[in-house]
Amino acid sequence: MATLKAKEIMKMSDGDREKKLKEFKLELVKAKGNASKSGNSRAKEIRKIIARIHTINKAENKSAELKKQ
């Protein structure tokens, strides 16, 4: 899978983000299993992408809460 930039993640709908998050978590498990063969760089990259998705989800939830007030 290709890396996802923050701009690309922000353009996605909530459902698409959740779907990608599940895909990356599954890929992370596979990358950890193959870490001894191919190194750990792909697992590190996947963890960063997962963190980006979580960060953007949290920011959007917070802004939605502020709009309600």
Protein backbone atom coordinates (compact mmCIF):
# COMPACT_ATOMS: atom_id res chain seq x y z
CA MET A 1 0.00 0.00 0.00
CA ALA A 2 1.08 3.52 -0.65
CA THR A 3 1.58 6.05 2.09
CA LEU A 4 -1.29 8.37 2.84
CA LYS A 5 -0.64 12.05 3.35
CA ALA A 6 -2.72 14.11 5.74
CA LYS A 7 -4.43 15.99 2.89
CA GLU A 8 -5.57 12.72 1.34
CA ILE A 9 -6.90 11.47 4.67
CA MET A 10 -8.85 14.69 5.27
CA LYS A 11 -10.58 14.33 1.89
CA MET A 12 -11.90 10.87 2.82
CA SER A 13 -15.28 10.29 4.38
CA ASP A 14 -15.52 8.82 7.88
CA GLY A 15 -16.44 5.41 6.51
CA ASP A 16 -13.51 5.38 4.11
CA ARG A 17 -11.14 6.35 6.91
CA GLU A 18 -12.37 3.53 9.13
CA LYS A 19 -12.01 1.08 6.24
CA LYS A 20 -8.43 2.22 5.55
CA LEU A 21 -7.63 2.08 9.26
CA LYS A 22 -8.69 -1.58 9.39
CA GLU A 23 -6.66 -2.34 6.28
CA PHE A 24 -3.54 -0.72 7.70
CA LYS A 25 -3.91 -2.50 11.03
CA LEU A 26 -4.11 -5.82 9.21
CA GLU A 27 -1.11 -4.89 7.09
CA LEU A 28 0.80 -3.92 10.25
CA VAL A 29 0.26 -7.40 11.69
CA LYS A 30 1.56 -8.91 8.48
CA ALA A 31 4.55 -6.55 8.40
CA LYS A 32 5.46 -7.46 11.97
CA GLY A 33 5.37 -11.12 11.03
CA ASN A 34 7.74 -10.49 8.15
CA ALA A 35 9.95 -8.04 10.06
CA SER A 36 12.85 -10.45 10.35
CA LYS A 37 12.88 -10.99 6.59
CA SER A 38 12.45 -7.49 5.19
CA GLY A 39 13.35 -5.18 8.06
CA ASN A 40 11.17 -3.04 10.24
CA SER A 41 10.88 0.07 8.06
CA ARG A 42 7.47 -0.83 6.58
CA ALA A 43 5.98 -1.47 10.02
CA LYS A 44 7.22 1.93 11.17
CA GLU A 45 5.67 3.60 8.12
CA ILE A 46 2.33 1.86 8.72
CA ARG A 47 2.29 2.94 12.38
CA LYS A 48 2.77 6.55 11.27
CA ILE A 49 -0.14 6.32 8.83
CA ILE A 50 -2.38 4.83 11.53
CA ALA A 51 -1.40 7.67 13.86
CA ARG A 52 -2.25 10.24 11.16
CA ILE A 53 -5.70 8.74 10.70
CA HIS A 54 -6.36 8.72 14.45
CA THR A 55 -5.15 12.32 14.78
CA ILE A 56 -7.38 13.59 11.99
CA ASN A 57 -10.39 11.67 13.35
CA LYS A 58 -9.84 13.18 16.78
CA ALA A 59 -9.47 16.71 15.39
CA GLU A 60 -12.66 16.41 13.33
CA ASN A 61 -14.60 15.04 16.30
CA LYS A 62 -13.41 17.92 18.45
CA SER A 63 -14.38 20.51 15.84
CA ALA A 64 -17.82 18.88 15.49
CA GLU A 65 -18.32 19.16 19.24
CA LEU A 66 -17.35 22.83 19.21
CA LYS A 67 -19.84 23.55 16.42
CA LYS A 68 -22.64 22.04 18.52
CA GLN A 69 -22.01 24.48 21.35
